[in-house]
C-alpha atoms as a PDB file:
ATOM      1  CA  MET A   1      94.505  65.622 121.025  1.00  0.00           C
ATOM      2  CA  LEU A   2      92.422  67.185 123.464  1.00  0.00           C
ATOM      3  CA  MET A   3      95.611  68.722 125.176  1.00  0.00           C
ATOM      4  CA  LEU A   4      97.288  69.808 121.382  1.00  0.00           C
ATOM      5  CA  ASN A   5      94.395  71.718 120.617  1.00  0.00           C
ATOM      6  CA  LYS A   6      94.334  73.915 124.181  1.00  0.00           C
ATOM      7  CA  THR A   7      97.935  74.294 123.873  1.00  0.00           C
ATOM      8  CA  ASP A   8      98.812  77.625 122.638  1.00  0.00           C
ATOM      9  CA  LEU A   9     101.129  78.066 119.906  1.00  0.00           C
ATOM     10  CA  HIS A  10     101.893  81.497 120.457  1.00  0.00           C
ATOM     11  CA  PRO A  11     105.773  81.684 121.636  1.00  0.00           C
ATOM     12  CA  ALA A  12     106.433  83.604 124.714  1.00  0.00           C
ATOM     13  CA  SER A  13     109.153  84.786 122.997  1.00  0.00           C
ATOM     14  CA  PHE A  14     111.296  84.987 120.098  1.00  0.00           C
ATOM     15  CA  ILE A  15     114.930  84.975 119.146  1.00  0.00           C
ATOM     16  CA  LEU A  16     116.293  87.728 117.004  1.00  0.00           C
ATOM     17  CA  ASN A  17     119.150  86.301 115.678  1.00  0.00           C
ATOM     18  CA  GLY A  18     120.820  88.383 113.562  1.00  0.00           C
ATOM     19  CA  ILE A  19     122.340  88.062 110.056  1.00  0.00           C
ATOM     20  CA  PRO A  20     122.900  84.572 109.377  1.00  0.00           C
ATOM     21  CA  GLY A  21     125.997  83.318 107.693  1.00  0.00           C
ATOM     22  CA  LEU A  22     127.683  86.636 109.396  1.00  0.00           C
ATOM     23  CA  VAL A  23     127.521  86.631 112.787  1.00  0.00           C
ATOM     24  CA  ASP A  24     131.087  86.320 113.754  1.00  0.00           C
ATOM     25  CA  ILE A  25     132.014  89.412 111.588  1.00  0.00           C
ATOM     26  CA  GLN A  26     128.350  91.150 113.034  1.00  0.00           C
ATOM     27  CA  ILE A  27     130.720  93.238 115.780  1.00  0.00           C
ATOM     28  CA  TRP A  28     132.189  95.236 112.376  1.00  0.00           C
ATOM     29  CA  ILE A  29     128.932  95.558 110.970  1.00  0.00           C
ATOM     30  CA  SER A  30     127.535  97.033 114.159  1.00  0.00           C
ATOM     31  CA  PHE A  31     129.807  99.678 113.909  1.00  0.00           C
ATOM     32  CA  PRO A  32     128.875 101.562 110.089  1.00  0.00           C
ATOM     33  CA  PHE A  33     125.495 100.544 111.410  1.00  0.00           C
ATOM     34  CA  CYS A  34     126.233 102.549 114.802  1.00  0.00           C
ATOM     35  CA  SER A  35     127.573 105.651 112.644  1.00  0.00           C
ATOM     36  CA  MET A  36     124.881 105.894 110.528  1.00  0.00           C
ATOM     37  CA  TYR A  37     122.434 105.920 113.058  1.00  0.00           C
ATOM     38  CA  VAL A  38     123.984 109.030 115.520  1.00  0.00           C
ATOM     39  CA  VAL A  39     124.131 111.007 112.414  1.00  0.00           C
ATOM     40  CA  ALA A  40     120.489 110.198 111.746  1.00  0.00           C
ATOM     41  CA  MET A  41     119.481 110.955 115.239  1.00  0.00           C
ATOM     42  CA  VAL A  42     122.001 114.212 115.484  1.00  0.00           C
ATOM     43  CA  GLY A  43     120.703 115.195 111.692  1.00  0.00           C
ATOM     44  CA  ASN A  44     117.285 114.943 112.207  1.00  0.00           C
ATOM     45  CA  CYS A  45     117.136 116.505 115.621  1.00  0.00           C
ATOM     46  CA  GLY A  46     119.368 119.152 114.253  1.00  0.00           C
ATOM     47  CA  LEU A  47     116.738 120.113 111.325  1.00  0.00           C
ATOM     48  CA  LEU A  48     113.618 119.865 113.690  1.00  0.00           C
ATOM     49  CA  TYR A  49     115.309 122.608 116.288  1.00  0.00           C
ATOM     50  CA  LEU A  50     116.292 124.665 113.142  1.00  0.00           C
ATOM     51  CA  ILE A  51     112.566 124.579 111.683  1.00  0.00           C
ATOM     52  CA  ARG A  52     111.072 125.369 115.116  1.00  0.00           C
ATOM     53  CA  TYR A  53     113.519 127.955 116.074  1.00  0.00           C
ATOM     54  CA  GLU A  54     114.171 129.807 112.553  1.00  0.00           C
ATOM     55  CA  ASP A  55     111.407 132.217 111.222  1.00  0.00           C
ATOM     56  CA  SER A  56     112.990 132.001 107.803  1.00  0.00           C
ATOM     57  CA  LEU A  57     112.155 128.210 107.923  1.00  0.00           C
ATOM     58  CA  HIS A  58     107.868 128.215 108.778  1.00  0.00           C
ATOM     59  CA  LYS A  59     107.513 127.860 105.289  1.00  0.00           C
ATOM     60  CA  PRO A  60     105.305 124.644 103.731  1.00  0.00           C
ATOM     61  CA  MET A  61     108.241 123.291 102.789  1.00  0.00           C
ATOM     62  CA  TYR A  62     110.236 123.170 105.703  1.00  0.00           C
ATOM     63  CA  TYR A  63     106.746 121.804 107.458  1.00  0.00           C
ATOM     64  CA  PHE A  64     106.817 118.926 105.437  1.00  0.00           C
ATOM     65  CA  LEU A  65     110.700 118.593 105.875  1.00  0.00           C
ATOM     66  CA  ALA A  66     109.956 118.783 109.580  1.00  0.00           C
ATOM     67  CA  MET A  67     107.346 115.472 109.374  1.00  0.00           C
ATOM     68  CA  LEU A  68     110.155 113.706 107.306  1.00  0.00           C
ATOM     69  CA  SER A  69     112.671 114.418 109.885  1.00  0.00           C
ATOM     70  CA  LEU A  70     110.455 112.699 112.596  1.00  0.00           C
ATOM     71  CA  THR A  71     109.428 110.260 110.461  1.00  0.00           C
ATOM     72  CA  ASP A  72     113.050 109.473 110.251  1.00  0.00           C
ATOM     73  CA  LEU A  73     113.343 109.586 113.962  1.00  0.00           C
ATOM     74  CA  VAL A  74     111.172 106.762 114.843  1.00  0.00           C
ATOM     75  CA  MET A  75     111.202 104.831 111.813  1.00  0.00           C
ATOM     76  CA  CYS A  76     115.051 104.338 112.186  1.00  0.00           C
ATOM     77  CA  SER A  77     114.463 104.189 116.184  1.00  0.00           C
ATOM     78  CA  SER A  78     112.472 100.922 116.213  1.00  0.00           C
ATOM     79  CA  THR A  79     115.242  98.747 114.966  1.00  0.00           C
ATOM     80  CA  ILE A  80     118.555  99.591 114.618  1.00  0.00           C
ATOM     81  CA  PRO A  81     118.719  99.869 119.123  1.00  0.00           C
ATOM     82  CA  LYS A  82     117.488  96.213 119.378  1.00  0.00           C
ATOM     83  CA  ALA A  83     120.163  95.555 116.363  1.00  0.00           C
ATOM     84  CA  LEU A  84     122.794  97.264 117.910  1.00  0.00           C
ATOM     85  CA  CYS A  85     122.033  95.004 121.285  1.00  0.00           C
ATOM     86  CA  ILE A  86     121.909  91.979 119.343  1.00  0.00           C
ATOM     87  CA  PHE A  87     125.501  92.888 117.344  1.00  0.00           C
ATOM     88  CA  TRP A  88     126.845  93.782 120.860  1.00  0.00           C
ATOM     89  CA  PHE A  89     125.597  92.025 124.332  1.00  0.00           C
ATOM     90  CA  HIS A  90     123.810  89.043 121.975  1.00  0.00           C
ATOM     91  CA  LEU A  91     120.552  90.314 123.527  1.00  0.00           C
ATOM     92  CA  LYS A  92     118.007  88.735 121.338  1.00  0.00           C
ATOM     93  CA  LYS A  93     115.475  88.055 122.948  1.00  0.00           C
ATOM     94  CA  ILE A  94     112.060  89.918 122.326  1.00  0.00           C
ATOM     95  CA  SER A  95     108.638  88.852 123.824  1.00  0.00           C
ATOM     96  CA  PHE A  96     105.970  88.110 121.394  1.00  0.00           C
ATOM     97  CA  ASP A  97     104.202  91.122 122.378  1.00  0.00           C
ATOM     98  CA  GLU A  98     106.979  93.529 121.856  1.00  0.00           C
ATOM     99  CA  CYS A  99     107.885  91.629 118.337  1.00  0.00           C
ATOM    100  CA  LEU A 100     104.082  93.256 117.148  1.00  0.00           C
ATOM    101  CA  VAL A 101     104.665  96.328 118.868  1.00  0.00           C
ATOM    102  CA  GLN A 102     107.982  96.905 116.653  1.00  0.00           C
ATOM    103  CA  MET A 103     106.601  95.445 114.198  1.00  0.00           C
ATOM    104  CA  PHE A 104     103.835  97.790 113.739  1.00  0.00           C
ATOM    105  CA  PHE A 105     105.958 100.944 114.496  1.00  0.00           C
ATOM    106  CA  THR A 106     108.404  99.905 111.687  1.00  0.00           C
ATOM    107  CA  HIS A 107     106.011  99.534 109.019  1.00  0.00           C
ATOM    108  CA  THR A 108     103.485 102.414 109.736  1.00  0.00           C
ATOM    109  CA  PHE A 109     106.691 104.465 109.694  1.00  0.00           C
ATOM    110  CA  THR A 110     108.138 102.877 106.591  1.00  0.00           C
ATOM    111  CA  GLY A 111     104.458 103.748 105.159  1.00  0.00           C
ATOM    112  CA  MET A 112     104.243 107.236 106.654  1.00  0.00           C
ATOM    113  CA  GLU A 113     108.173 107.969 105.289  1.00  0.00           C
ATOM    114  CA  SER A 114     106.219 107.316 101.847  1.00  0.00           C
ATOM    115  CA  GLY A 115     103.496 109.058 101.869  1.00  0.00           C
ATOM    116  CA  VAL A 116     105.372 112.517 103.277  1.00  0.00           C
ATOM    117  CA  LEU A 117     107.814 111.943 100.403  1.00  0.00           C
ATOM    118  CA  MET A 118     104.713 111.883  98.129  1.00  0.00           C
ATOM    119  CA  LEU A 119     103.151 115.461  99.727  1.00  0.00           C
ATOM    120  CA  MET A 120     106.758 116.817  99.121  1.00  0.00           C
ATOM    121  CA  ALA A 121     106.441 115.976  95.675  1.00  0.00           C
ATOM    122  CA  LEU A 122     102.959 118.189  95.691  1.00  0.00           C
ATOM    123  CA  ASP A 123     104.460 120.519  97.633  1.00  0.00           C
ATOM    124  CA  ARG A 124     107.227 121.250  95.179  1.00  0.00           C
ATOM    125  CA  TYR A 125     104.853 120.686  91.981  1.00  0.00           C
ATOM    126  CA  ILE A 126     102.589 123.198  93.562  1.00  0.00           C
ATOM    127  CA  ALA A 127     105.701 125.850  94.123  1.00  0.00           C
ATOM    128  CA  ILE A 128     106.823 125.940  90.700  1.00  0.00           C
ATOM    129  CA  CYS A 129     103.726 125.176  88.938  1.00  0.00           C
ATOM    130  CA  TYR A 130     101.197 127.681  90.581  1.00  0.00           C
ATOM    131  CA  PRO A 131     104.069 130.097  92.936  1.00  0.00           C
ATOM    132  CA  LEU A 132     101.658 133.097  93.045  1.00  0.00           C
ATOM    133  CA  ARG A 133      98.926 130.543  94.976  1.00  0.00           C
ATOM    134  CA  TYR A 134     101.576 128.569  97.015  1.00  0.00           C
ATOM    135  CA  SER A 135     100.700 130.140  99.875  1.00  0.00           C
ATOM    136  CA  THR A 136      97.126 130.440  99.556  1.00  0.00           C
ATOM    137  CA  ILE A 137      96.789 126.530  98.495  1.00  0.00           C
ATOM    138  CA  LEU A 138      99.161 125.281 101.551  1.00  0.00           C
ATOM    139  CA  THR A 139      98.054 127.147 104.556  1.00  0.00           C
ATOM    140  CA  ASN A 140      99.190 126.032 107.881  1.00  0.00           C
ATOM    141  CA  PRO A 141      95.522 123.791 108.535  1.00  0.00           C
ATOM    142  CA  VAL A 142      96.141 122.151 105.207  1.00  0.00           C
ATOM    143  CA  ILE A 143      99.731 121.110 105.735  1.00  0.00           C
ATOM    144  CA  ALA A 144      98.445 119.655 109.058  1.00  0.00           C
ATOM    145  CA  LYS A 145      95.007 117.390 107.601  1.00  0.00           C
ATOM    146  CA  VAL A 146      97.166 116.068 105.108  1.00  0.00           C
ATOM    147  CA  GLY A 147      99.943 114.794 107.634  1.00  0.00           C
ATOM    148  CA  LEU A 148      97.083 113.568 109.530  1.00  0.00           C
ATOM    149  CA  VAL A 149      95.684 111.951 107.045  1.00  0.00           C
ATOM    150  CA  THR A 150      98.844 110.448 105.720  1.00  0.00           C
ATOM    151  CA  PHE A 151      99.741 109.216 109.506  1.00  0.00           C
ATOM    152  CA  LEU A 152      95.919 107.250 109.814  1.00  0.00           C
ATOM    153  CA  ARG A 153      96.410 106.399 106.466  1.00  0.00           C
ATOM    154  CA  ALA A 154      99.530 104.270 107.486  1.00  0.00           C
ATOM    155  CA  VAL A 155      98.449 103.309 110.874  1.00  0.00           C
ATOM    156  CA  LEU A 156      94.784 101.988 109.697  1.00  0.00           C
ATOM    157  CA  LEU A 157      96.693  99.774 106.350  1.00  0.00           C
ATOM    158  CA  ILE A 158      99.299  98.526 109.128  1.00  0.00           C
ATOM    159  CA  ILE A 159      97.092  97.570 112.340  1.00  0.00           C
ATOM    160  CA  PRO A 160      95.816  94.352 110.552  1.00  0.00           C
ATOM    161  CA  PHE A 161      99.242  93.189 110.245  1.00  0.00           C
ATOM    162  CA  THR A 162      99.366  92.660 113.989  1.00  0.00           C
ATOM    163  CA  PHE A 163      96.184  90.665 113.312  1.00  0.00           C
ATOM    164  CA  LEU A 164      97.079  88.538 110.713  1.00  0.00           C
ATOM    165  CA  THR A 165     100.742  87.909 112.528  1.00  0.00           C
ATOM    166  CA  LYS A 166      98.909  86.931 116.083  1.00  0.00           C
ATOM    167  CA  ARG A 167      95.988  84.735 114.416  1.00  0.00           C
ATOM    168  CA  LEU A 168      98.539  82.167 113.110  1.00  0.00           C
ATOM    169  CA  PRO A 169      99.666  79.309 115.062  1.00  0.00           C
ATOM    170  CA  TYR A 170     103.905  78.828 115.424  1.00  0.00           C
ATOM    171  CA  CYS A 171     105.314  75.522 115.645  1.00  0.00           C
ATOM    172  CA  ARG A 172     108.627  76.136 113.259  1.00  0.00           C
ATOM    173  CA  GLY A 173     110.388  77.292 116.825  1.00  0.00           C
ATOM    174  CA  ASN A 174     110.734  80.724 117.799  1.00  0.00           C
ATOM    175  CA  ILE A 175     114.486  81.728 115.669  1.00  0.00           C
ATOM    176  CA  ILE A 176     113.644  84.632 113.116  1.00  0.00           C
ATOM    177  CA  TYR A 177     116.768  85.444 111.146  1.00  0.00           C
ATOM    178  CA  HIS A 178     116.592  88.914 111.239  1.00  0.00           C
ATOM    179  CA  THR A 179     117.469  92.036 113.307  1.00  0.00           C
ATOM    180  CA  TYR A 180     114.043  93.085 114.107  1.00  0.00           C
ATOM    181  CA  CYS A 181     110.444  91.774 113.593  1.00  0.00           C
ATOM    182  CA  ASP A 182     109.624  92.170 109.722  1.00  0.00           C
ATOM    183  CA  HIS A 183     106.215  91.046 109.239  1.00  0.00           C
ATOM    184  CA  MET A 184     106.713  88.181 106.574  1.00  0.00           C
ATOM    185  CA  SER A 185     110.027  87.293 108.742  1.00  0.00           C
ATOM    186  CA  VAL A 186     107.881  85.997 111.271  1.00  0.00           C
ATOM    187  CA  ALA A 187     104.854  85.002 109.818  1.00  0.00           C
ATOM    188  CA  LYS A 188     107.156  82.768 107.594  1.00  0.00           C
ATOM    189  CA  LEU A 189     107.715  80.683 111.575  1.00  0.00           C
ATOM    190  CA  SER A 190     104.189  79.376 111.380  1.00  0.00           C
ATOM    191  CA  CYS A 191     103.149  76.111 110.192  1.00  0.00           C
ATOM    192  CA  GLY A 192      99.479  77.868 109.341  1.00  0.00           C
ATOM    193  CA  ASN A 193      98.657  79.605 106.212  1.00  0.00           C
ATOM    194  CA  VAL A 194     100.333  82.570 105.471  1.00  0.00           C
ATOM    195  CA  LYS A 195      99.134  83.072 101.950  1.00  0.00           C
ATOM    196  CA  ILE A 196      96.759  85.810 103.307  1.00  0.00           C
ATOM    197  CA  ASN A 197      99.448  87.805 105.050  1.00  0.00           C
ATOM    198  CA  ALA A 198     101.442  87.464 101.912  1.00  0.00           C
ATOM    199  CA  ILE A 199      98.738  88.570  99.730  1.00  0.00           C
ATOM    200  CA  TYR A 200      97.702  91.769 102.215  1.00  0.00           C
ATOM    201  CA  GLY A 201     101.305  92.576 102.584  1.00  0.00           C
ATOM    202  CA  LEU A 202     101.614  92.826  98.750  1.00  0.00           C
ATOM    203  CA  MET A 203      98.010  95.042  98.452  1.00  0.00           C
ATOM    204  CA  VAL A 204      99.645  97.751 101.341  1.00  0.00           C
ATOM    205  CA  ALA A 205     102.570  98.108  99.272  1.00  0.00           C
ATOM    206  CA  LEU A 206     100.938  98.581  96.088  1.00  0.00           C
ATOM    207  CA  LEU A 207      98.099 100.804  98.506  1.00  0.00           C
ATOM    208  CA  ILE A 208     100.946 103.138  99.704  1.00  0.00           C
ATOM    209  CA  GLY A 209     103.844 102.566  97.761  1.00  0.00           C
ATOM    210  CA  GLY A 210     102.257 102.397  94.036  1.00  0.00           C
ATOM    211  CA  PHE A 211      99.943 105.351  94.717  1.00  0.00           C
ATOM    212  CA  ASP A 212     102.658 107.610  96.391  1.00  0.00           C
ATOM    213  CA  ILE A 213     105.044 106.724  93.657  1.00  0.00           C
ATOM    214  CA  LEU A 214     102.542 107.232  90.733  1.00  0.00           C
ATOM    215  CA  CYS A 215     101.352 110.969  92.548  1.00  0.00           C
ATOM    216  CA  ILE A 216     105.489 111.815  92.559  1.00  0.00           C
ATOM    217  CA  THR A 217     105.445 110.715  88.571  1.00  0.00           C
ATOM    218  CA  ILE A 218     102.839 112.875  87.963  1.00  0.00           C
ATOM    219  CA  SER A 219     104.260 116.126  89.958  1.00  0.00           C
ATOM    220  CA  TYR A 220     106.989 115.556  88.695  1.00  0.00           C
ATOM    221  CA  THR A 221     105.729 114.901  84.695  1.00  0.00           C
ATOM    222  CA  MET A 222     103.823 118.141  85.158  1.00  0.00           C
ATOM    223  CA  ILE A 223     106.596 119.903  86.953  1.00  0.00           C
ATOM    224  CA  LEU A 224     109.219 119.186  84.112  1.00  0.00           C
ATOM    225  CA  ARG A 225     106.518 120.066  81.386  1.00  0.00           C
ATOM    226  CA  ALA A 226     106.651 123.617  83.608  1.00  0.00           C
ATOM    227  CA  VAL A 227     110.067 123.902  83.677  1.00  0.00           C
ATOM    228  CA  ILE A 228     110.747 123.266  79.796  1.00  0.00           C
ATOM    229  CA  SER A 229     108.281 126.049  79.496  1.00  0.00           C
ATOM    230  CA  LEU A 230     110.285 128.613  80.813  1.00  0.00           C
ATOM    231  CA  SER A 231     111.877 130.771  78.728  1.00  0.00           C
ATOM    232  CA  SER A 232     115.327 131.403  80.786  1.00  0.00           C
ATOM    233  CA  THR A 233     117.892 129.084  81.341  1.00  0.00           C
ATOM    234  CA  ASP A 234     118.774 130.487  84.820  1.00  0.00           C
ATOM    235  CA  ALA A 235     114.647 130.340  85.778  1.00  0.00           C
ATOM    236  CA  GLN A 236     114.869 126.493  84.461  1.00  0.00           C
ATOM    237  CA  GLN A 237     118.228 126.038  86.558  1.00  0.00           C
ATOM    238  CA  LYS A 238     116.391 127.303  89.910  1.00  0.00           C
ATOM    239  CA  ALA A 239     113.487 125.619  89.224  1.00  0.00           C
ATOM    240  CA  PHE A 240     115.580 122.491  89.007  1.00  0.00           C
ATOM    241  CA  SER A 241     117.621 123.241  92.097  1.00  0.00           C
ATOM    242  CA  THR A 242     114.503 123.313  94.286  1.00  0.00           C
ATOM    243  CA  CYS A 243     113.732 119.496  93.506  1.00  0.00           C
ATOM    244  CA  THR A 244     117.523 118.330  93.630  1.00  0.00           C
ATOM    245  CA  ALA A 245     117.329 117.356  97.650  1.00  0.00           C
ATOM    246  CA  HIS A 246     113.533 116.025  96.952  1.00  0.00           C
ATOM    247  CA  ILE A 247     114.613 113.636  94.070  1.00  0.00           C
ATOM    248  CA  CYS A 248     117.719 112.186  96.355  1.00  0.00           C
ATOM    249  CA  ALA A 249     115.117 111.813  99.593  1.00  0.00           C
ATOM    250  CA  ILE A 250     113.197 109.771  97.036  1.00  0.00           C
ATOM    251  CA  VAL A 251     116.193 107.099  95.410  1.00  0.00           C
ATOM    252  CA  PHE A 252     117.449 106.628  99.227  1.00  0.00           C
ATOM    253  CA  SER A 253     114.014 105.824 100.379  1.00  0.00           C
ATOM    254  CA  TYR A 254     112.456 103.547  97.458  1.00  0.00           C
ATOM    255  CA  SER A 255     115.390 101.469  95.893  1.00  0.00           C
ATOM    256  CA  PRO A 256     116.390  99.830  99.395  1.00  0.00           C
ATOM    257  CA  ALA A 257     112.468  99.398  99.945  1.00  0.00           C
ATOM    258  CA  PHE A 258     111.655  97.749  96.496  1.00  0.00           C
ATOM    259  CA  PHE A 259     114.480  95.611  96.761  1.00  0.00           C
ATOM    260  CA  SER A 260     113.638  94.539 100.217  1.00  0.00           C
ATOM    261  CA  PHE A 261     110.359  94.158  99.428  1.00  0.00           C
ATOM    262  CA  PHE A 262     110.132  92.047  97.107  1.00  0.00           C
ATOM    263  CA  SER A 263     113.407  89.886  97.369  1.00  0.00           C
ATOM    264  CA  HIS A 264     111.884  88.506 100.348  1.00  0.00           C
ATOM    265  CA  ARG A 265     108.474  87.735  98.560  1.00  0.00           C
ATOM    266  CA  PHE A 266     110.134  86.199  95.441  1.00  0.00           C
ATOM    267  CA  ARG A 267     113.839  85.733  95.912  1.00  0.00           C
ATOM    268  CA  GLY A 268     113.981  81.960  96.255  1.00  0.00           C
ATOM    269  CA  HIS A 269     117.045  80.643  96.650  1.00  0.00           C
ATOM    270  CA  THR A 270     119.060  83.505  94.267  1.00  0.00           C
ATOM    271  CA  ILE A 271     119.801  86.187  96.657  1.00  0.00           C
ATOM    272  CA  PRO A 272     121.505  85.188 100.340  1.00  0.00           C
ATOM    273  CA  PRO A 273     119.220  85.577 103.550  1.00  0.00           C
ATOM    274  CA  SER A 274     122.220  87.535 104.527  1.00  0.00           C
ATOM    275  CA  CYS A 275     122.276  90.176 101.748  1.00  0.00           C
ATOM    276  CA  HIS A 276     118.102  90.590 102.004  1.00  0.00           C
ATOM    277  CA  ILE A 277     118.497  91.403 105.735  1.00  0.00           C
ATOM    278  CA  ILE A 278     121.506  94.043 105.518  1.00  0.00           C
ATOM    279  CA  VAL A 279     119.056  95.605 102.692  1.00  0.00           C
ATOM    280  CA  ALA A 280     116.550  95.300 105.023  1.00  0.00           C
ATOM    281  CA  ASN A 281     118.372  97.354 107.660  1.00  0.00           C
ATOM    282  CA  ILE A 282     119.582  99.759 105.551  1.00  0.00           C
ATOM    283  CA  TYR A 283     116.360 100.911 104.539  1.00  0.00           C
ATOM    284  CA  VAL A 284     115.199 101.774 107.580  1.00  0.00           C
ATOM    285  CA  LEU A 285     118.338 103.358 108.338  1.00  0.00           C
ATOM    286  CA  LEU A 286     119.824 104.811 104.905  1.00  0.00           C
ATOM    287  CA  PRO A 287     116.837 107.652 104.586  1.00  0.00           C
ATOM    288  CA  PRO A 288     117.158 108.622 107.860  1.00  0.00           C
ATOM    289  CA  THR A 289     121.381 109.338 107.823  1.00  0.00           C
ATOM    290  CA  MET A 290     121.241 111.029 104.434  1.00  0.00           C
ATOM    291  CA  ASN A 291     118.151 113.263 103.918  1.00  0.00           C
ATOM    292  CA  PRO A 292     119.035 115.841 106.854  1.00  0.00           C
ATOM    293  CA  VAL A 293     122.363 115.865 104.961  1.00  0.00           C
ATOM    294  CA  VAL A 294     121.177 115.827 101.533  1.00  0.00           C
ATOM    295  CA  TYR A 295     118.729 119.074 102.624  1.00  0.00           C
ATOM    296  CA  GLY A 296     121.489 120.405 104.656  1.00  0.00           C
ATOM    297  CA  VAL A 297     123.806 120.397 101.510  1.00  0.00           C
ATOM    298  CA  LYS A 298     121.580 121.050  98.904  1.00  0.00           C
ATOM    299  CA  THR A 299     118.858 123.429 100.586  1.00  0.00           C
ATOM    300  CA  LYS A 300     120.217 127.036 100.605  1.00  0.00           C
ATOM    301  CA  GLN A 301     117.960 128.284 103.534  1.00  0.00           C
ATOM    302  CA  ILE A 302     118.975 125.690 105.592  1.00  0.00           C
ATOM    303  CA  ARG A 303     122.492 125.885 105.231  1.00  0.00           C
ATOM    304  CA  ASP A 304     122.024 129.729 105.768  1.00  0.00           C
ATOM    305  CA  CYS A 305     120.861 129.500 108.857  1.00  0.00           C
ATOM    306  CA  ILE A 306     123.594 126.742 109.904  1.00  0.00           C
ATOM    307  CA  ILE A 307     126.348 129.365 108.548  1.00  0.00           C
ATOM    308  CA  ARG A 308     124.950 131.874 110.487  1.00  0.00           C
ATOM    309  CA  ILE A 309     124.279 129.512 113.786  1.00  0.00           C
ATOM    310  CA  LEU A 310     127.852 128.474 113.658  1.00  0.00           C
ATOM    311  CA  SER A 311     129.219 131.689 113.237  1.00  0.00           C
ATOM    312  CA  GLY A 312     126.916 133.274 115.831  1.00  0.00           C
ATOM    313  CA  SER A 313     128.598 130.574 118.272  1.00  0.00           C
ATOM    314  CA  LYS A 314     132.504 131.379 117.122  1.00  0.00           C
ATOM    315  CA  ASP A 315     131.780 135.383 117.512  1.00  0.00           C
ATOM    316  CA  ILE A 316     130.559 134.330 121.039  1.00  0.00           C
ATOM    317  CA  LYS A 317     133.434 132.505 121.475  1.00  0.00           C
ATOM    318  CA  SER A 318     135.756 134.909 120.310  1.00  0.00           C
ATOM    319  CA  HIS A 319     133.962 137.493 122.639  1.00  0.00           C
ATOM    320  CA  SER A 320     134.540 135.263 125.798  1.00  0.00           C
ATOM    321  CA  ILE A 321     138.119 135.125 125.022  1.00  0.00           C
END
């Protein structure tokens, strides 16, 4: 009994077992995952490059977009490379500390993603409802401060996840039926009381996701009222068009996020584990993949910059020939 009390119940490592029930076809699942990851990396790095070097994009809206791109890069890179290693090379082992680090980065930057989308909604609200004061309200110092506060909020709320997970005793094996170290997937391996973990996870979801969605809803309600009051149909369409890309980003981010979060806690036996895990991966992969595509297509300034760069490179090639 004395020896049992002294036994360290933290496993040295976990085994990330991938997608249960679909192990035989994981190699085929990996190809769309890899393709989306490449698009996400190229697209978001391209957006960051454009915003950094194009003077016409040195505006609050694009600074927030740069925050979103940087967040997307970290969010998908914290999970997808490991998932591909599982699918392709069967490298399933991850140390306990590495698992906690992956958990921290994944949840921190998904929280950061939500916060940046909220800031972008406020940006659209100020741009449409207070156009003459837009540049004086959203100055560079203000943008830097709200970005820092959003990041610190995510960090401070997610750090307790690691401590709550580390304090648990693990005696139900070390196999995680997932492609990355999700908080509740790891906690459910414990033979201890995980009620605190579940309650705190729900609290964080409400403090981050609930608060951000409330702010986004209020912002778009005010935007809708302002747009409807415009007398010109062209002015209404122009105002709405500035919000299209952001609305798409909200849909891509929150739809799989809500499904993943609530199905993990309340799914019972109705949703297959494989479905949950695929959606959990889409949750961290779809927004980084689609955001640069949507903003590249829907935002005229970005589209013009891309066309100018491409036409410039063609001119250089034609001169060299």
